Amino acid sequence: RDNAKNTVILQMESLKAEDTGVYFCNAKVTSTS
């Protein structure tokens, strides 16, 4: 994560067929939101 730019990166290695899906990014302002 780059906090200053509110950017998050997911590095995925050794991918498997079970990793298939739609990936969604999420950003929370509190722990419960």
PDB file of all heavy atoms in Angstrom:
ATOM      1  N   ARG A   1       0.824  -1.202   0.000  1.00  0.00           N
ATOM      2  CA  ARG A   1       0.000   0.000   0.000  1.00  0.00           C
ATOM      3  C   ARG A   1       0.857   1.249   0.000  1.00  0.00           C
ATOM      4  O   ARG A   1       1.877   1.325   0.683  1.00  0.00           O
ATOM      5  CB  ARG A   1      -0.918  -0.022   1.225  1.00  0.00           C
ATOM      6  CG  ARG A   1      -1.754   1.218   1.456  1.00  0.00           C
ATOM      7  CD  ARG A   1      -2.653   1.010   2.664  1.00  0.00           C
ATOM      8  NE  ARG A   1      -3.476   2.180   2.958  1.00  0.00           N
ATOM      9  CZ  ARG A   1      -4.407   2.229   3.890  1.00  0.00           C
ATOM     10  NH1 ARG A   1      -4.650   1.159   4.642  1.00  0.00           N
ATOM     11  NH2 ARG A   1      -5.111   3.343   4.093  1.00  0.00           N
ATOM     12  N   ASP A   2       0.421   2.216  -0.770  1.00  0.00           N
ATOM     13  CA  ASP A   2       1.008   3.540  -0.766  1.00  0.00           C
ATOM     14  C   ASP A   2      -0.018   4.442  -0.100  1.00  0.00           C
ATOM     15  O   ASP A   2      -0.991   4.864  -0.728  1.00  0.00           O
ATOM     16  CB  ASP A   2       1.315   4.011  -2.190  1.00  0.00           C
ATOM     17  CG  ASP A   2       2.011   5.356  -2.224  1.00  0.00           C
ATOM     18  OD1 ASP A   2       1.891   6.136  -1.271  1.00  0.00           O
ATOM     19  OD2 ASP A   2       2.690   5.635  -3.232  1.00  0.00           O
ATOM     20  N   ASN A   3       0.182   4.719   1.170  1.00  0.00           N
ATOM     21  CA  ASN A   3      -0.802   5.481   1.938  1.00  0.00           C
ATOM     22  C   ASN A   3      -1.019   6.890   1.387  1.00  0.00           C
ATOM     23  O   ASN A   3      -2.145   7.390   1.380  1.00  0.00           O
ATOM     24  CB  ASN A   3      -0.384   5.558   3.403  1.00  0.00           C
ATOM     25  CG  ASN A   3      -0.487   4.226   4.115  1.00  0.00           C
ATOM     26  OD1 ASN A   3      -1.389   3.430   3.850  1.00  0.00           O
ATOM     27  ND2 ASN A   3       0.439   3.978   5.038  1.00  0.00           N
ATOM     28  N   ALA A   4       0.038   7.515   0.947  1.00  0.00           N
ATOM     29  CA  ALA A   4      -0.066   8.883   0.458  1.00  0.00           C
ATOM     30  C   ALA A   4      -0.934   8.978  -0.788  1.00  0.00           C
ATOM     31  O   ALA A   4      -1.643   9.968  -0.987  1.00  0.00           O
ATOM     32  CB  ALA A   4       1.323   9.454   0.177  1.00  0.00           C
ATOM     33  N   LYS A   5      -0.886   7.953  -1.616  1.00  0.00           N
ATOM     34  CA  LYS A   5      -1.641   7.962  -2.867  1.00  0.00           C
ATOM     35  C   LYS A   5      -2.878   7.068  -2.825  1.00  0.00           C
ATOM     36  O   LYS A   5      -3.560   6.930  -3.840  1.00  0.00           O
ATOM     37  CB  LYS A   5      -0.736   7.538  -4.017  1.00  0.00           C
ATOM     38  CG  LYS A   5       0.434   8.477  -4.251  1.00  0.00           C
ATOM     39  CD  LYS A   5       1.285   8.029  -5.428  1.00  0.00           C
ATOM     40  CE  LYS A   5       2.424   8.994  -5.674  1.00  0.00           C
ATOM     41  NZ  LYS A   5       3.266   8.574  -6.824  1.00  0.00           N
ATOM     42  N   ASN A   6      -3.144   6.475  -1.672  1.00  0.00           N
ATOM     43  CA  ASN A   6      -4.286   5.575  -1.524  1.00  0.00           C
ATOM     44  C   ASN A   6      -4.317   4.527  -2.631  1.00  0.00           C
ATOM     45  O   ASN A   6      -5.349   4.307  -3.282  1.00  0.00           O
ATOM     46  CB  ASN A   6      -5.596   6.369  -1.494  1.00  0.00           C
ATOM     47  CG  ASN A   6      -5.744   7.191  -0.226  1.00  0.00           C
ATOM     48  OD1 ASN A   6      -5.664   6.656   0.883  1.00  0.00           O
ATOM     49  ND2 ASN A   6      -5.956   8.485  -0.375  1.00  0.00           N
ATOM     50  N   THR A   7      -3.189   3.894  -2.829  1.00  0.00           N
ATOM     51  CA  THR A   7      -3.034   2.866  -3.841  1.00  0.00           C
ATOM     52  C   THR A   7      -2.679   1.548  -3.177  1.00  0.00           C
ATOM     53  O   THR A   7      -1.854   1.513  -2.266  1.00  0.00           O
ATOM     54  CB  THR A   7      -1.934   3.249  -4.847  1.00  0.00           C
ATOM     55  OG1 THR A   7      -2.278   4.482  -5.488  1.00  0.00           O
ATOM     56  CG2 THR A   7      -1.763   2.168  -5.899  1.00  0.00           C
ATOM     57  N   VAL A   8      -3.290   0.481  -3.638  1.00  0.00           N
ATOM     58  CA  VAL A   8      -2.988  -0.841  -3.114  1.00  0.00           C
ATOM     59  C   VAL A   8      -2.640  -1.769  -4.276  1.00  0.00           C
ATOM     60  O   VAL A   8      -3.279  -1.728  -5.329  1.00  0.00           O
ATOM     61  CB  VAL A   8      -4.153  -1.404  -2.278  1.00  0.00           C
ATOM     62  CG1 VAL A   8      -5.414  -1.564  -3.117  1.00  0.00           C
ATOM     63  CG2 VAL A   8      -3.761  -2.729  -1.631  1.00  0.00           C
ATOM     64  N   ILE A   9      -1.614  -2.583  -4.061  1.00  0.00           N
ATOM     65  CA  ILE A   9      -1.121  -3.508  -5.067  1.00  0.00           C
ATOM     66  C   ILE A   9      -1.271  -4.930  -4.553  1.00  0.00           C
ATOM     67  O   ILE A   9      -0.992  -5.204  -3.388  1.00  0.00           O
ATOM     68  CB  ILE A   9       0.356  -3.250  -5.402  1.00  0.00           C
ATOM     69  CG1 ILE A   9       0.562  -1.798  -5.867  1.00  0.00           C
ATOM     70  CG2 ILE A   9       0.853  -4.239  -6.445  1.00  0.00           C
ATOM     71  CD1 ILE A   9      -0.120  -1.463  -7.153  1.00  0.00           C
ATOM     72  N   LEU A  10      -1.708  -5.813  -5.408  1.00  0.00           N
ATOM     73  CA  LEU A  10      -1.752  -7.230  -5.082  1.00  0.00           C
ATOM     74  C   LEU A  10      -0.867  -7.969  -6.066  1.00  0.00           C
ATOM     75  O   LEU A  10      -1.194  -8.051  -7.255  1.00  0.00           O
ATOM     76  CB  LEU A  10      -3.182  -7.777  -5.140  1.00  0.00           C
ATOM     77  CG  LEU A  10      -3.340  -9.240  -4.713  1.00  0.00           C
ATOM     78  CD1 LEU A  10      -3.024  -9.396  -3.221  1.00  0.00           C
ATOM     79  CD2 LEU A  10      -4.745  -9.749  -5.012  1.00  0.00           C
ATOM     80  N   GLN A  11       0.250  -8.470  -5.577  1.00  0.00           N
ATOM     81  CA  GLN A  11       1.158  -9.266  -6.386  1.00  0.00           C
ATOM     82  C   GLN A  11       0.786 -10.732  -6.221  1.00  0.00           C
ATOM     83  O   GLN A  11       0.860 -11.277  -5.123  1.00  0.00           O
ATOM     84  CB  GLN A  11       2.607  -9.035  -5.961  1.00  0.00           C
ATOM     85  CG  GLN A  11       3.055  -7.594  -6.034  1.00  0.00           C
ATOM     86  CD  GLN A  11       4.462  -7.403  -5.513  1.00  0.00           C
ATOM     87  OE1 GLN A  11       5.423  -7.905  -6.103  1.00  0.00           O
ATOM     88  NE2 GLN A  11       4.582  -6.689  -4.403  1.00  0.00           N
ATOM     89  N   MET A  12       0.398 -11.356  -7.307  1.00  0.00           N
ATOM     90  CA  MET A  12      -0.071 -12.734  -7.279  1.00  0.00           C
ATOM     91  C   MET A  12       0.920 -13.611  -8.029  1.00  0.00           C
ATOM     92  O   MET A  12       1.163 -13.406  -9.217  1.00  0.00           O
ATOM     93  CB  MET A  12      -1.465 -12.845  -7.900  1.00  0.00           C
ATOM     94  CG  MET A  12      -2.496 -11.915  -7.257  1.00  0.00           C
ATOM     95  SD  MET A  12      -4.168 -12.189  -7.884  1.00  0.00           S
ATOM     96  CE  MET A  12      -3.957 -11.638  -9.576  1.00  0.00           C
ATOM     97  N   GLU A  13       1.471 -14.581  -7.330  1.00  0.00           N
ATOM     98  CA  GLU A  13       2.434 -15.494  -7.908  1.00  0.00           C
ATOM     99  C   GLU A  13       1.943 -16.929  -7.770  1.00  0.00           C
ATOM    100  O   GLU A  13       1.091 -17.232  -6.940  1.00  0.00           O
ATOM    101  CB  GLU A  13       3.800 -15.335  -7.236  1.00  0.00           C
ATOM    102  CG  GLU A  13       4.393 -13.940  -7.364  1.00  0.00           C
ATOM    103  CD  GLU A  13       5.713 -13.786  -6.646  1.00  0.00           C
ATOM    104  OE1 GLU A  13       6.139 -14.727  -5.946  1.00  0.00           O
ATOM    105  OE2 GLU A  13       6.344 -12.721  -6.788  1.00  0.00           O
ATOM    106  N   SER A  14       2.507 -17.789  -8.584  1.00  0.00           N
ATOM    107  CA  SER A  14       2.136 -19.207  -8.556  1.00  0.00           C
ATOM    108  C   SER A  14       0.621 -19.381  -8.602  1.00  0.00           C
ATOM    109  O   SER A  14       0.028 -20.121  -7.812  1.00  0.00           O
ATOM    110  CB  SER A  14       2.715 -19.878  -7.307  1.00  0.00           C
ATOM    111  OG  SER A  14       4.121 -19.768  -7.277  1.00  0.00           O
ATOM    112  N   LEU A  15       0.004 -18.710  -9.533  1.00  0.00           N
ATOM    113  CA  LEU A  15      -1.449 -18.721  -9.620  1.00  0.00           C
ATOM    114  C   LEU A  15      -1.986 -20.118  -9.911  1.00  0.00           C
ATOM    115  O   LEU A  15      -1.371 -20.902 -10.639  1.00  0.00           O
ATOM    116  CB  LEU A  15      -1.915 -17.743 -10.688  1.00  0.00           C
ATOM    117  CG  LEU A  15      -1.873 -16.271 -10.263  1.00  0.00           C
ATOM    118  CD1 LEU A  15      -1.922 -15.351 -11.475  1.00  0.00           C
ATOM    119  CD2 LEU A  15      -3.032 -15.973  -9.315  1.00  0.00           C
ATOM    120  N   LYS A  16      -3.135 -20.387  -9.332  1.00  0.00           N
ATOM    121  CA  LYS A  16      -3.817 -21.656  -9.495  1.00  0.00           C
ATOM    122  C   LYS A  16      -5.185 -21.426 -10.111  1.00  0.00           C
ATOM    123  O   LYS A  16      -5.731 -20.326 -10.048  1.00  0.00           O
ATOM    124  CB  LYS A  16      -3.978 -22.360  -8.144  1.00  0.00           C
ATOM    125  CG  LYS A  16      -2.694 -22.570  -7.372  1.00  0.00           C
ATOM    126  CD  LYS A  16      -2.988 -23.151  -5.995  1.00  0.00           C
ATOM    127  CE  LYS A  16      -1.725 -23.365  -5.195  1.00  0.00           C
ATOM    128  NZ  LYS A  16      -2.009 -23.918  -3.840  1.00  0.00           N
ATOM    129  N   ALA A  17      -5.747 -22.481 -10.654  1.00  0.00           N
ATOM    130  CA  ALA A  17      -7.075 -22.376 -11.245  1.00  0.00           C
ATOM    131  C   ALA A  17      -8.100 -21.898 -10.224  1.00  0.00           C
ATOM    132  O   ALA A  17      -9.040 -21.180 -10.564  1.00  0.00           O
ATOM    133  CB  ALA A  17      -7.495 -23.722 -11.832  1.00  0.00           C
ATOM    134  N   GLU A  18      -7.922 -22.269  -8.967  1.00  0.00           N
ATOM    135  CA  GLU A  18      -8.848 -21.874  -7.915  1.00  0.00           C
ATOM    136  C   GLU A  18      -8.804 -20.382  -7.620  1.00  0.00           C
ATOM    137  O   GLU A  18      -9.676 -19.868  -6.919  1.00  0.00           O
ATOM    138  CB  GLU A  18      -8.561 -22.661  -6.634  1.00  0.00           C
ATOM    139  CG  GLU A  18      -7.208 -22.344  -6.014  1.00  0.00           C
ATOM    140  CD  GLU A  18      -6.886 -23.231  -4.816  1.00  0.00           C
ATOM    141  OE1 GLU A  18      -7.067 -24.461  -4.932  1.00  0.00           O
ATOM    142  OE2 GLU A  18      -6.475 -22.703  -3.765  1.00  0.00           O
ATOM    143  N   ASP A  19      -7.802 -19.688  -8.136  1.00  0.00           N
ATOM    144  CA  ASP A  19      -7.711 -18.242  -7.954  1.00  0.00           C
ATOM    145  C   ASP A  19      -8.598 -17.478  -8.930  1.00  0.00           C
ATOM    146  O   ASP A  19      -8.724 -16.256  -8.823  1.00  0.00           O
ATOM    147  CB  ASP A  19      -6.263 -17.769  -8.122  1.00  0.00           C
ATOM    148  CG  ASP A  19      -5.344 -18.327  -7.052  1.00  0.00           C
ATOM    149  OD1 ASP A  19      -5.754 -18.361  -5.874  1.00  0.00           O
ATOM    150  OD2 ASP A  19      -4.215 -18.728  -7.395  1.00  0.00           O
ATOM    151  N   THR A  20      -9.188 -18.171  -9.863  1.00  0.00           N
ATOM    152  CA  THR A  20     -10.042 -17.541 -10.856  1.00  0.00           C
ATOM    153  C   THR A  20     -11.239 -16.859 -10.201  1.00  0.00           C
ATOM    154  O   THR A  20     -11.869 -17.404  -9.296  1.00  0.00           O
ATOM    155  CB  THR A  20     -10.532 -18.579 -11.875  1.00  0.00           C
ATOM    156  OG1 THR A  20      -9.424 -19.056 -12.643  1.00  0.00           O
ATOM    157  CG2 THR A  20     -11.555 -17.971 -12.829  1.00  0.00           C
ATOM    158  N   GLY A  21     -11.541 -15.663 -10.657  1.00  0.00           N
ATOM    159  CA  GLY A  21     -12.684 -14.940 -10.140  1.00  0.00           C
ATOM    160  C   GLY A  21     -12.592 -13.469 -10.474  1.00  0.00           C
ATOM    161  O   GLY A  21     -11.632 -13.011 -11.091  1.00  0.00           O
ATOM    162  N   VAL A  22     -13.600 -12.743 -10.065  1.00  0.00           N
ATOM    163  CA  VAL A  22     -13.593 -11.299 -10.207  1.00  0.00           C
ATOM    164  C   VAL A  22     -13.001 -10.712  -8.931  1.00  0.00           C
ATOM    165  O   VAL A  22     -13.473 -10.991  -7.828  1.00  0.00           O
ATOM    166  CB  VAL A  22     -15.005 -10.736 -10.441  1.00  0.00           C
ATOM    167  CG1 VAL A  22     -14.955  -9.216 -10.574  1.00  0.00           C
ATOM    168  CG2 VAL A  22     -15.618 -11.352 -11.689  1.00  0.00           C
ATOM    169  N   TYR A  23     -11.972  -9.917  -9.083  1.00  0.00           N
ATOM    170  CA  TYR A  23     -11.287  -9.314  -7.947  1.00  0.00           C
ATOM    171  C   TYR A  23     -11.743  -7.879  -7.762  1.00  0.00           C
ATOM    172  O   TYR A  23     -11.721  -7.079  -8.701  1.00  0.00           O
ATOM    173  CB  TYR A  23      -9.779  -9.378  -8.152  1.00  0.00           C
ATOM    174  CG  TYR A  23      -9.199 -10.751  -7.904  1.00  0.00           C
ATOM    175  CD1 TYR A  23      -9.494 -11.810  -8.742  1.00  0.00           C
ATOM    176  CD2 TYR A  23      -8.359 -10.983  -6.811  1.00  0.00           C
ATOM    177  CE1 TYR A  23      -8.983 -13.079  -8.505  1.00  0.00           C
ATOM    178  CE2 TYR A  23      -7.834 -12.244  -6.572  1.00  0.00           C
ATOM    179  CZ  TYR A  23      -8.149 -13.294  -7.420  1.00  0.00           C
ATOM    180  OH  TYR A  23      -7.630 -14.546  -7.178  1.00  0.00           O
ATOM    181  N   PHE A  24     -12.145  -7.563  -6.543  1.00  0.00           N
ATOM    182  CA  PHE A  24     -12.654  -6.244  -6.208  1.00  0.00           C
ATOM    183  C   PHE A  24     -11.739  -5.557  -5.209  1.00  0.00           C
ATOM    184  O   PHE A  24     -11.307  -6.170  -4.230  1.00  0.00           O
ATOM    185  CB  PHE A  24     -14.053  -6.333  -5.594  1.00  0.00           C
ATOM    186  CG  PHE A  24     -15.094  -6.920  -6.498  1.00  0.00           C
ATOM    187  CD1 PHE A  24     -15.327  -8.284  -6.528  1.00  0.00           C
ATOM    188  CD2 PHE A  24     -15.859  -6.105  -7.320  1.00  0.00           C
ATOM    189  CE1 PHE A  24     -16.291  -8.838  -7.345  1.00  0.00           C
ATOM    190  CE2 PHE A  24     -16.829  -6.639  -8.144  1.00  0.00           C
ATOM    191  CZ  PHE A  24     -17.047  -8.006  -8.164  1.00  0.00           C
ATOM    192  N   CYS A  25     -11.477  -4.312  -5.443  1.00  0.00           N
ATOM    193  CA  CYS A  25     -10.726  -3.497  -4.508  1.00  0.00           C
ATOM    194  C   CYS A  25     -11.688  -2.843  -3.524  1.00  0.00           C
ATOM    195  O   CYS A  25     -12.798  -2.441  -3.896  1.00  0.00           O
ATOM    196  CB  CYS A  25      -9.936  -2.431  -5.270  1.00  0.00           C
ATOM    197  SG  CYS A  25      -8.876  -1.399  -4.229  1.00  0.00           S
ATOM    198  N   ASN A  26     -11.273  -2.749  -2.267  1.00  0.00           N
ATOM    199  CA  ASN A  26     -12.106  -2.168  -1.229  1.00  0.00           C
ATOM    200  C   ASN A  26     -11.269  -1.251  -0.354  1.00  0.00           C
ATOM    201  O   ASN A  26     -10.114  -1.549  -0.053  1.00  0.00           O
ATOM    202  CB  ASN A  26     -12.741  -3.269  -0.378  1.00  0.00           C
ATOM    203  CG  ASN A  26     -13.523  -2.727   0.807  1.00  0.00           C
ATOM    204  OD1 ASN A  26     -13.000  -2.618   1.912  1.00  0.00           O
ATOM    205  ND2 ASN A  26     -14.788  -2.390   0.571  1.00  0.00           N
ATOM    206  N   ALA A  27     -11.872  -0.157   0.059  1.00  0.00           N
ATOM    207  CA  ALA A  27     -11.208   0.786   0.949  1.00  0.00           C
ATOM    208  C   ALA A  27     -12.157   1.158   2.069  1.00  0.00           C
ATOM    209  O   ALA A  27     -13.262   1.633   1.811  1.00  0.00           O
ATOM    210  CB  ALA A  27     -10.768   2.027   0.175  1.00  0.00           C
ATOM    211  N   LYS A  28     -11.721   0.947   3.302  1.00  0.00           N
ATOM    212  CA  LYS A  28     -12.523   1.230   4.477  1.00  0.00           C
ATOM    213  C   LYS A  28     -11.966   2.427   5.232  1.00  0.00           C
ATOM    214  O   LYS A  28     -10.756   2.564   5.378  1.00  0.00           O
ATOM    215  CB  LYS A  28     -12.557   0.030   5.421  1.00  0.00           C
ATOM    216  CG  LYS A  28     -13.265  -1.191   4.880  1.00  0.00           C
ATOM    217  CD  LYS A  28     -13.270  -2.303   5.930  1.00  0.00           C
ATOM    218  CE  LYS A  28     -14.034  -3.517   5.454  1.00  0.00           C
ATOM    219  NZ  LYS A  28     -14.036  -4.595   6.486  1.00  0.00           N
ATOM    220  N   VAL A  29     -12.872   3.242   5.738  1.00  0.00           N
ATOM    221  CA  VAL A  29     -12.445   4.377   6.551  1.00  0.00           C
ATOM    222  C   VAL A  29     -12.419   4.015   8.027  1.00  0.00           C
ATOM    223  O   VAL A  29     -11.738   4.680   8.808  1.00  0.00           O
ATOM    224  CB  VAL A  29     -13.340   5.610   6.315  1.00  0.00           C
ATOM    225  CG1 VAL A  29     -13.194   6.097   4.883  1.00  0.00           C
ATOM    226  CG2 VAL A  29     -14.797   5.292   6.623  1.00  0.00           C
ATOM    227  N   THR A  30     -13.147   2.986   8.434  1.00  0.00           N
ATOM    228  CA  THR A  30     -13.129   2.476   9.800  1.00  0.00           C
ATOM    229  C   THR A  30     -13.087   0.960   9.752  1.00  0.00           C
ATOM    230  O   THR A  30     -13.262   0.344   8.702  1.00  0.00           O
ATOM    231  CB  THR A  30     -14.356   2.914  10.612  1.00  0.00           C
ATOM    232  OG1 THR A  30     -15.518   2.229  10.140  1.00  0.00           O
ATOM    233  CG2 THR A  30     -14.578   4.415  10.515  1.00  0.00           C
ATOM    234  N   SER A  31     -12.891   0.340  10.913  1.00  0.00           N
ATOM    235  CA  SER A  31     -12.789  -1.108  10.975  1.00  0.00           C
ATOM    236  C   SER A  31     -14.111  -1.815  10.711  1.00  0.00           C
ATOM    237  O   SER A  31     -14.114  -3.000  10.368  1.00  0.00           O
ATOM    238  CB  SER A  31     -12.241  -1.545  12.335  1.00  0.00           C
ATOM    239  OG  SER A  31     -13.119  -1.160  13.383  1.00  0.00           O
ATOM    240  N   THR A  32     -15.215  -1.113  10.857  1.00  0.00           N
ATOM    241  CA  THR A  32     -16.528  -1.734  10.716  1.00  0.00           C
ATOM    242  C   THR A  32     -17.318  -1.284   9.492  1.00  0.00           C
ATOM    243  O   THR A  32     -18.379  -1.835   9.211  1.00  0.00           O
ATOM    244  CB  THR A  32     -17.384  -1.481  11.960  1.00  0.00           C
ATOM    245  OG1 THR A  32     -17.526  -0.075  12.179  1.00  0.00           O
ATOM    246  CG2 THR A  32     -16.742  -2.114  13.190  1.00  0.00           C
ATOM    247  N   SER A  33     -16.848  -0.308   8.766  1.00  0.00           N
ATOM    248  CA  SER A  33     -17.572   0.174   7.603  1.00  0.00           C
ATOM    249  C   SER A  33     -17.457  -0.809   6.442  1.00  0.00           C
ATOM    250  O   SER A  33     -16.498  -1.582   6.359  1.00  0.00           O
ATOM    251  CB  SER A  33     -17.056   1.546   7.176  1.00  0.00           C
ATOM    252  OG  SER A  33     -15.734   1.455   6.660  1.00  0.00           O
TER     253      SER A  33
END
